[in-house]
Amino acid sequence: MKKLIFIQHALDRMKERLITEDLVIATLNNPDNTDCRNEKRKIAQRLIQGKLLRIIYEENDDFIIVVSAYCTSKVSKYIRGYE
């Protein structure tokens, strides 16, 4: 895996939301779904205990920058066909 860089906003949100670096790494390595609507930013998504963990990141040839992370119970809003 590429080198990970966590911006301060991501670290603050992860701490506030009790999301560990291990969960972020696991989601980036093995997402259930990746949203690539934006050319610059991507969102790795993974279902965990009925909630959707979303990792917002930017990627280049050498590293991945984690911008933010959050969990949501609105799974069907972000993954089509989930009910």
PDB file of N, CA and C in Angstrom:
ATOM      1  N   MET A   1       0.836  -1.190   0.000  1.00  0.00           N
ATOM      2  CA  MET A   1       0.000   0.000   0.000  1.00  0.00           C
ATOM      3  C   MET A   1       0.877   1.248   0.000  1.00  0.00           C
ATOM      4  N   LYS A   2       0.361   2.296  -0.593  1.00  0.00           N
ATOM      5  CA  LYS A   2       1.074   3.567  -0.642  1.00  0.00           C
ATOM      6  C   LYS A   2       1.171   4.181   0.753  1.00  0.00           C
ATOM      7  N   LYS A   3       2.094   5.102   0.910  1.00  0.00           N
ATOM      8  CA  LYS A   3       2.246   5.809   2.179  1.00  0.00           C
ATOM      9  C   LYS A   3       0.975   6.621   2.458  1.00  0.00           C
ATOM     10  N   LEU A   4       0.504   6.578   3.705  1.00  0.00           N
ATOM     11  CA  LEU A   4      -0.679   7.332   4.111  1.00  0.00           C
ATOM     12  C   LEU A   4      -0.279   8.616   4.817  1.00  0.00           C
ATOM     13  N   ILE A   5      -0.959   9.686   4.461  1.00  0.00           N
ATOM     14  CA  ILE A   5      -0.789  10.968   5.138  1.00  0.00           C
ATOM     15  C   ILE A   5      -2.167  11.387   5.636  1.00  0.00           C
ATOM     16  N   PHE A   6      -2.280  11.651   6.932  1.00  0.00           N
ATOM     17  CA  PHE A   6      -3.535  12.100   7.521  1.00  0.00           C
ATOM     18  C   PHE A   6      -3.432  13.598   7.763  1.00  0.00           C
ATOM     19  N   ILE A   7      -4.311  14.392   7.127  1.00  0.00           N
ATOM     20  CA  ILE A   7      -4.296  15.814   7.433  1.00  0.00           C
ATOM     21  C   ILE A   7      -4.912  16.006   8.819  1.00  0.00           C
ATOM     22  N   GLN A   8      -4.652  17.153   9.427  1.00  0.00           N
ATOM     23  CA  GLN A   8      -5.104  17.390  10.804  1.00  0.00           C
ATOM     24  C   GLN A   8      -6.622  17.285  10.920  1.00  0.00           C
ATOM     25  N   HIS A   9      -7.348  17.770   9.929  1.00  0.00           N
ATOM     26  CA  HIS A   9      -8.812  17.673   9.960  1.00  0.00           C
ATOM     27  C   HIS A   9      -9.249  16.206  10.097  1.00  0.00           C
ATOM     28  N   ALA A  10      -8.620  15.326   9.323  1.00  0.00           N
ATOM     29  CA  ALA A  10      -8.964  13.901   9.389  1.00  0.00           C
ATOM     30  C   ALA A  10      -8.665  13.339  10.770  1.00  0.00           C
ATOM     31  N   LEU A  11      -7.506  13.662  11.304  1.00  0.00           N
ATOM     32  CA  LEU A  11      -7.141  13.168  12.637  1.00  0.00           C
ATOM     33  C   LEU A  11      -8.115  13.663  13.701  1.00  0.00           C
ATOM     34  N   ASP A  12      -8.500  14.924  13.606  1.00  0.00           N
ATOM     35  CA  ASP A  12      -9.456  15.493  14.564  1.00  0.00           C
ATOM     36  C   ASP A  12     -10.809  14.793  14.470  1.00  0.00           C
ATOM     37  N   ARG A  13     -11.307  14.599  13.241  1.00  0.00           N
ATOM     38  CA  ARG A  13     -12.597  13.946  13.056  1.00  0.00           C
ATOM     39  C   ARG A  13     -12.560  12.487  13.488  1.00  0.00           C
ATOM     40  N   MET A  14     -11.457  11.802  13.194  1.00  0.00           N
ATOM     41  CA  MET A  14     -11.322  10.401  13.594  1.00  0.00           C
ATOM     42  C   MET A  14     -11.353  10.285  15.115  1.00  0.00           C
ATOM     43  N   LYS A  15     -10.648  11.157  15.794  1.00  0.00           N
ATOM     44  CA  LYS A  15     -10.625  11.127  17.262  1.00  0.00           C
ATOM     45  C   LYS A  15     -12.021  11.415  17.816  1.00  0.00           C
ATOM     46  N   GLU A  16     -12.660  12.432  17.276  1.00  0.00           N
ATOM     47  CA  GLU A  16     -14.000  12.840  17.708  1.00  0.00           C
ATOM     48  C   GLU A  16     -15.020  11.730  17.477  1.00  0.00           C
ATOM     49  N   ARG A  17     -14.844  10.974  16.390  1.00  0.00           N
ATOM     50  CA  ARG A  17     -15.814   9.955  15.990  1.00  0.00           C
ATOM     51  C   ARG A  17     -15.384   8.533  16.344  1.00  0.00           C
ATOM     52  N   LEU A  18     -14.279   8.424  17.078  1.00  0.00           N
ATOM     53  CA  LEU A  18     -13.756   7.135  17.538  1.00  0.00           C
ATOM     54  C   LEU A  18     -13.468   6.168  16.388  1.00  0.00           C
ATOM     55  N   ILE A  19     -12.888   6.702  15.316  1.00  0.00           N
ATOM     56  CA  ILE A  19     -12.497   5.901  14.158  1.00  0.00           C
ATOM     57  C   ILE A  19     -10.980   5.723  14.216  1.00  0.00           C
ATOM     58  N   THR A  20     -10.534   4.477  14.265  1.00  0.00           N
ATOM     59  CA  THR A  20      -9.107   4.209  14.402  1.00  0.00           C
ATOM     60  C   THR A  20      -8.396   4.225  13.043  1.00  0.00           C
ATOM     61  N   GLU A  21      -7.082   4.409  13.096  1.00  0.00           N
ATOM     62  CA  GLU A  21      -6.277   4.335  11.874  1.00  0.00           C
ATOM     63  C   GLU A  21      -6.395   2.947  11.246  1.00  0.00           C
ATOM     64  N   ASP A  22      -6.494   1.921  12.077  1.00  0.00           N
ATOM     65  CA  ASP A  22      -6.640   0.557  11.557  1.00  0.00           C
ATOM     66  C   ASP A  22      -7.914   0.408  10.727  1.00  0.00           C
ATOM     67  N   LEU A  23      -9.016   1.002  11.184  1.00  0.00           N
ATOM     68  CA  LEU A  23     -10.267   0.954  10.416  1.00  0.00           C
ATOM     69  C   LEU A  23     -10.131   1.698   9.095  1.00  0.00           C
ATOM     70  N   VAL A  24      -9.442   2.826   9.123  1.00  0.00           N
ATOM     71  CA  VAL A  24      -9.222   3.597   7.898  1.00  0.00           C
ATOM     72  C   VAL A  24      -8.390   2.785   6.911  1.00  0.00           C
ATOM     73  N   ILE A  25      -7.314   2.193   7.395  1.00  0.00           N
ATOM     74  CA  ILE A  25      -6.429   1.392   6.543  1.00  0.00           C
ATOM     75  C   ILE A  25      -7.181   0.190   5.969  1.00  0.00           C
ATOM     76  N   ALA A  26      -7.959  -0.487   6.805  1.00  0.00           N
ATOM     77  CA  ALA A  26      -8.727  -1.652   6.341  1.00  0.00           C
ATOM     78  C   ALA A  26      -9.737  -1.243   5.270  1.00  0.00           C
ATOM     79  N   THR A  27     -10.353  -0.089   5.447  1.00  0.00           N
ATOM     80  CA  THR A  27     -11.341   0.384   4.477  1.00  0.00           C
ATOM     81  C   THR A  27     -10.674   0.777   3.165  1.00  0.00           C
ATOM     82  N   LEU A  28      -9.531   1.424   3.246  1.00  0.00           N
ATOM     83  CA  LEU A  28      -8.809   1.797   2.026  1.00  0.00           C
ATOM     84  C   LEU A  28      -8.274   0.567   1.291  1.00  0.00           C
ATOM     85  N   ASN A  29      -7.816  -0.432   2.041  1.00  0.00           N
ATOM     86  CA  ASN A  29      -7.270  -1.651   1.428  1.00  0.00           C
ATOM     87  C   ASN A  29      -8.347  -2.554   0.839  1.00  0.00           C
ATOM     88  N   ASN A  30      -9.515  -2.569   1.475  1.00  0.00           N
ATOM     89  CA  ASN A  30     -10.554  -3.498   1.052  1.00  0.00           C
ATOM     90  C   ASN A  30     -11.939  -2.848   1.175  1.00  0.00           C
ATOM     91  N   PRO A  31     -12.217  -1.824   0.353  1.00  0.00           N
ATOM     92  CA  PRO A  31     -13.528  -1.165   0.448  1.00  0.00           C
ATOM     93  C   PRO A  31     -14.637  -2.036  -0.130  1.00  0.00           C
ATOM     94  N   ASP A  32     -15.829  -1.871   0.408  1.00  0.00           N
ATOM     95  CA  ASP A  32     -16.997  -2.523  -0.181  1.00  0.00           C
ATOM     96  C   ASP A  32     -17.402  -1.795  -1.456  1.00  0.00           C
ATOM     97  N   ASN A  33     -17.070  -0.504  -1.512  1.00  0.00           N
ATOM     98  CA  ASN A  33     -17.469   0.344  -2.618  1.00  0.00           C
ATOM     99  C   ASN A  33     -16.548   1.561  -2.642  1.00  0.00           C
ATOM    100  N   THR A  34     -16.250   2.074  -3.824  1.00  0.00           N
ATOM    101  CA  THR A  34     -15.481   3.306  -3.940  1.00  0.00           C
ATOM    102  C   THR A  34     -16.233   4.272  -4.831  1.00  0.00           C
ATOM    103  N   ASP A  35     -16.448   5.468  -4.321  1.00  0.00           N
ATOM    104  CA  ASP A  35     -17.147   6.517  -5.057  1.00  0.00           C
ATOM    105  C   ASP A  35     -16.101   7.430  -5.683  1.00  0.00           C
ATOM    106  N   CYS A  36     -16.104   7.534  -7.004  1.00  0.00           N
ATOM    107  CA  CYS A  36     -15.096   8.326  -7.722  1.00  0.00           C
ATOM    108  C   CYS A  36     -15.751   9.413  -8.561  1.00  0.00           C
ATOM    109  N   ARG A  37     -16.811  10.013  -8.067  1.00  0.00           N
ATOM    110  CA  ARG A  37     -17.512  11.049  -8.833  1.00  0.00           C
ATOM    111  C   ARG A  37     -16.636  12.273  -9.083  1.00  0.00           C
ATOM    112  N   ASN A  38     -15.791  12.588  -8.130  1.00  0.00           N
ATOM    113  CA  ASN A  38     -14.909  13.745  -8.227  1.00  0.00           C
ATOM    114  C   ASN A  38     -13.543  13.261  -8.719  1.00  0.00           C
ATOM    115  N   GLU A  39     -12.966  13.943  -9.688  1.00  0.00           N
ATOM    116  CA  GLU A  39     -11.667  13.530 -10.217  1.00  0.00           C
ATOM    117  C   GLU A  39     -10.563  13.626  -9.178  1.00  0.00           C
ATOM    118  N   LYS A  40     -10.663  14.591  -8.286  1.00  0.00           N
ATOM    119  CA  LYS A  40      -9.613  14.817  -7.294  1.00  0.00           C
ATOM    120  C   LYS A  40      -9.778  13.943  -6.047  1.00  0.00           C
ATOM    121  N   ARG A  41     -10.984  13.863  -5.533  1.00  0.00           N
ATOM    122  CA  ARG A  41     -11.240  13.131  -4.283  1.00  0.00           C
ATOM    123  C   ARG A  41     -12.035  11.873  -4.537  1.00  0.00           C
ATOM    124  N   LYS A  42     -11.701  10.867  -3.746  1.00  0.00           N
ATOM    125  CA  LYS A  42     -12.414   9.589  -3.802  1.00  0.00           C
ATOM    126  C   LYS A  42     -12.949   9.287  -2.410  1.00  0.00           C
ATOM    127  N   ILE A  43     -13.913   8.373  -2.366  1.00  0.00           N
ATOM    128  CA  ILE A  43     -14.484   7.967  -1.077  1.00  0.00           C
ATOM    129  C   ILE A  43     -14.518   6.446  -1.029  1.00  0.00           C
ATOM    130  N   ALA A  44     -13.756   5.885  -0.099  1.00  0.00           N
ATOM    131  CA  ALA A  44     -13.786   4.441   0.146  1.00  0.00           C
ATOM    132  C   ALA A  44     -14.866   4.193   1.193  1.00  0.00           C
ATOM    133  N   GLN A  45     -15.708   3.188   0.949  1.00  0.00           N
ATOM    134  CA  GLN A  45     -16.827   2.905   1.841  1.00  0.00           C
ATOM    135  C   GLN A  45     -16.818   1.454   2.263  1.00  0.00           C
ATOM    136  N   ARG A  46     -17.168   1.241   3.526  1.00  0.00           N
ATOM    137  CA  ARG A  46     -17.199  -0.124   4.054  1.00  0.00           C
ATOM    138  C   ARG A  46     -18.289  -0.241   5.117  1.00  0.00           C
ATOM    139  N   LEU A  47     -19.113  -1.281   4.992  1.00  0.00           N
ATOM    140  CA  LEU A  47     -20.152  -1.540   5.994  1.00  0.00           C
ATOM    141  C   LEU A  47     -19.528  -2.166   7.226  1.00  0.00           C
ATOM    142  N   ILE A  48     -19.823  -1.569   8.381  1.00  0.00           N
ATOM    143  CA  ILE A  48     -19.326  -2.087   9.652  1.00  0.00           C
ATOM    144  C   ILE A  48     -20.467  -2.024  10.655  1.00  0.00           C
ATOM    145  N   GLN A  49     -20.925  -3.171  11.080  1.00  0.00           N
ATOM    146  CA  GLN A  49     -21.996  -3.293  12.072  1.00  0.00           C
ATOM    147  C   GLN A  49     -23.216  -2.442  11.708  1.00  0.00           C
ATOM    148  N   GLY A  50     -23.644  -2.536  10.448  1.00  0.00           N
ATOM    149  CA  GLY A  50     -24.842  -1.852  10.004  1.00  0.00           C
ATOM    150  C   GLY A  50     -24.677  -0.383   9.669  1.00  0.00           C
ATOM    151  N   LYS A  51     -23.479   0.158   9.849  1.00  0.00           N
ATOM    152  CA  LYS A  51     -23.212   1.551   9.504  1.00  0.00           C
ATOM    153  C   LYS A  51     -22.175   1.586   8.390  1.00  0.00           C
ATOM    154  N   LEU A  52     -22.183   2.684   7.665  1.00  0.00           N
ATOM    155  CA  LEU A  52     -21.264   2.846   6.551  1.00  0.00           C
ATOM    156  C   LEU A  52     -20.122   3.766   6.955  1.00  0.00           C
ATOM    157  N   LEU A  53     -18.904   3.228   6.930  1.00  0.00           N
ATOM    158  CA  LEU A  53     -17.713   4.033   7.187  1.00  0.00           C
ATOM    159  C   LEU A  53     -17.277   4.619   5.863  1.00  0.00           C
ATOM    160  N   ARG A  54     -17.117   5.940   5.815  1.00  0.00           N
ATOM    161  CA  ARG A  54     -16.714   6.623   4.584  1.00  0.00           C
ATOM    162  C   ARG A  54     -15.387   7.334   4.822  1.00  0.00           C
ATOM    163  N   ILE A  55     -14.415   7.047   3.983  1.00  0.00           N
ATOM    164  CA  ILE A  55     -13.091   7.653   4.072  1.00  0.00           C
ATOM    165  C   ILE A  55     -12.898   8.521   2.829  1.00  0.00           C
ATOM    166  N   ILE A  56     -12.766   9.822   3.027  1.00  0.00           N
ATOM    167  CA  ILE A  56     -12.549  10.743   1.919  1.00  0.00           C
ATOM    168  C   ILE A  56     -11.038  10.917   1.770  1.00  0.00           C
ATOM    169  N   TYR A  57     -10.548  10.709   0.547  1.00  0.00           N
ATOM    170  CA  TYR A  57      -9.097  10.765   0.345  1.00  0.00           C
ATOM    171  C   TYR A  57      -8.742  11.252  -1.049  1.00  0.00           C
ATOM    172  N   GLU A  58      -7.480  11.660  -1.192  1.00  0.00           N
ATOM    173  CA  GLU A  58      -6.888  12.026  -2.470  1.00  0.00           C
ATOM    174  C   GLU A  58      -5.698  11.109  -2.681  1.00  0.00           C
ATOM    175  N   GLU A  59      -5.436  10.775  -3.932  1.00  0.00           N
ATOM    176  CA  GLU A  59      -4.389   9.804  -4.220  1.00  0.00           C
ATOM    177  C   GLU A  59      -3.522  10.301  -5.372  1.00  0.00           C
ATOM    178  N   ASN A  60      -2.204  10.086  -5.242  1.00  0.00           N
ATOM    179  CA  ASN A  60      -1.312  10.320  -6.370  1.00  0.00           C
ATOM    180  C   ASN A  60      -0.411   9.104  -6.521  1.00  0.00           C
ATOM    181  N   ASP A  61       0.634   9.199  -7.306  1.00  0.00           N
ATOM    182  CA  ASP A  61       1.495   8.043  -7.565  1.00  0.00           C
ATOM    183  C   ASP A  61       2.223   7.528  -6.327  1.00  0.00           C
ATOM    184  N   ASP A  62       2.496   8.418  -5.366  1.00  0.00           N
ATOM    185  CA  ASP A  62       3.341   8.053  -4.230  1.00  0.00           C
ATOM    186  C   ASP A  62       2.623   7.858  -2.901  1.00  0.00           C
ATOM    187  N   PHE A  63       1.502   8.548  -2.707  1.00  0.00           N
ATOM    188  CA  PHE A  63       0.854   8.466  -1.403  1.00  0.00           C
ATOM    189  C   PHE A  63      -0.639   8.734  -1.490  1.00  0.00           C
ATOM    190  N   ILE A  64      -1.311   8.464  -0.360  1.00  0.00           N
ATOM    191  CA  ILE A  64      -2.739   8.721  -0.189  1.00  0.00           C
ATOM    192  C   ILE A  64      -2.889   9.722   0.947  1.00  0.00           C
ATOM    193  N   ILE A  65      -3.650  10.773   0.698  1.00  0.00           N
ATOM    194  CA  ILE A  65      -3.923  11.782   1.722  1.00  0.00           C
ATOM    195  C   ILE A  65      -5.341  11.559   2.230  1.00  0.00           C
ATOM    196  N   VAL A  66      -5.474  11.230   3.510  1.00  0.00           N
ATOM    197  CA  VAL A  66      -6.790  11.050   4.127  1.00  0.00           C
ATOM    198  C   VAL A  66      -7.292  12.421   4.555  1.00  0.00           C
ATOM    199  N   VAL A  67      -8.432  12.822   3.989  1.00  0.00           N
ATOM    200  CA  VAL A  67      -8.983  14.150   4.209  1.00  0.00           C
ATOM    201  C   VAL A  67      -9.977  14.153   5.371  1.00  0.00           C
ATOM    202  N   SER A  68     -10.822  13.106   5.440  1.00  0.00           N
ATOM    203  CA  SER A  68     -11.809  13.006   6.510  1.00  0.00           C
ATOM    204  C   SER A  68     -12.333  11.587   6.598  1.00  0.00           C
ATOM    205  N   ALA A  69     -13.051  11.313   7.681  1.00  0.00           N
ATOM    206  CA  ALA A  69     -13.638   9.991   7.889  1.00  0.00           C
ATOM    207  C   ALA A  69     -14.870  10.142   8.778  1.00  0.00           C
ATOM    208  N   TYR A  70     -15.914   9.393   8.419  1.00  0.00           N
ATOM    209  CA  TYR A  70     -17.107   9.402   9.266  1.00  0.00           C
ATOM    210  C   TYR A  70     -17.939   8.160   9.020  1.00  0.00           C
ATOM    211  N   CYS A  71     -18.804   7.856   9.974  1.00  0.00           N
ATOM    212  CA  CYS A  71     -19.759   6.759   9.860  1.00  0.00           C
ATOM    213  C   CYS A  71     -21.152   7.358   9.710  1.00  0.00           C
ATOM    214  N   THR A  72     -21.977   6.667   8.949  1.00  0.00           N
ATOM    215  CA  THR A  72     -23.360   7.109   8.784  1.00  0.00           C
ATOM    216  C   THR A  72     -24.290   5.899   8.805  1.00  0.00           C
ATOM    217  N   SER A  73     -25.484   6.118   9.305  1.00  0.00           N
ATOM    218  CA  SER A  73     -26.500   5.065   9.275  1.00  0.00           C
ATOM    219  C   SER A  73     -27.326   5.150   7.990  1.00  0.00           C
ATOM    220  N   LYS A  74     -27.112   6.177   7.186  1.00  0.00           N
ATOM    221  CA  LYS A  74     -27.858   6.387   5.943  1.00  0.00           C
ATOM    222  C   LYS A  74     -27.184   5.631   4.791  1.00  0.00           C
ATOM    223  N   VAL A  75     -27.099   4.332   4.951  1.00  0.00           N
ATOM    224  CA  VAL A  75     -26.380   3.481   3.999  1.00  0.00           C
ATOM    225  C   VAL A  75     -26.995   3.567   2.612  1.00  0.00           C
ATOM    226  N   SER A  76     -28.317   3.484   2.517  1.00  0.00           N
ATOM    227  CA  SER A  76     -28.964   3.470   1.201  1.00  0.00           C
ATOM    228  C   SER A  76     -28.786   4.790   0.451  1.00  0.00           C
ATOM    229  N   LYS A  77     -28.479   5.844   1.147  1.00  0.00           N
ATOM    230  CA  LYS A  77     -28.224   7.140   0.505  1.00  0.00           C
ATOM    231  C   LYS A  77     -26.935   7.083  -0.325  1.00  0.00           C
ATOM    232  N   TYR A  78     -25.978   6.307   0.135  1.00  0.00           N
ATOM    233  CA  TYR A  78     -24.665   6.271  -0.495  1.00  0.00           C
ATOM    234  C   TYR A  78     -24.396   5.015  -1.321  1.00  0.00           C
ATOM    235  N   ILE A  79     -25.114   3.927  -1.031  1.00  0.00           N
ATOM    236  CA  ILE A  79     -24.927   2.691  -1.796  1.00  0.00           C
ATOM    237  C   ILE A  79     -26.270   2.297  -2.395  1.00  0.00           C
ATOM    238  N   ARG A  80     -26.344   2.394  -3.687  1.00  0.00           N
ATOM    239  CA  ARG A  80     -27.605   2.051  -4.382  1.00  0.00           C
ATOM    240  C   ARG A  80     -27.901   0.560  -4.220  1.00  0.00           C
ATOM    241  N   GLY A  81     -29.157   0.280  -4.036  1.00  0.00           N
ATOM    242  CA  GLY A  81     -29.578  -1.108  -3.932  1.00  0.00           C
ATOM    243  C   GLY A  81     -29.489  -1.691  -2.530  1.00  0.00           C
ATOM    244  N   TYR A  82     -28.923  -0.942  -1.581  1.00  0.00           N
ATOM    245  CA  TYR A  82     -28.851  -1.447  -0.207  1.00  0.00           C
ATOM    246  C   TYR A  82     -30.139  -1.090   0.520  1.00  0.00           C
ATOM    247  N   GLU A  83     -30.709  -2.078   1.183  1.00  0.00           N
ATOM    248  CA  GLU A  83     -31.932  -1.823   1.964  1.00  0.00           C
ATOM    249  C   GLU A  83     -31.870  -2.565   3.260  1.00  0.00           C
TER     250      GLU A  83
END
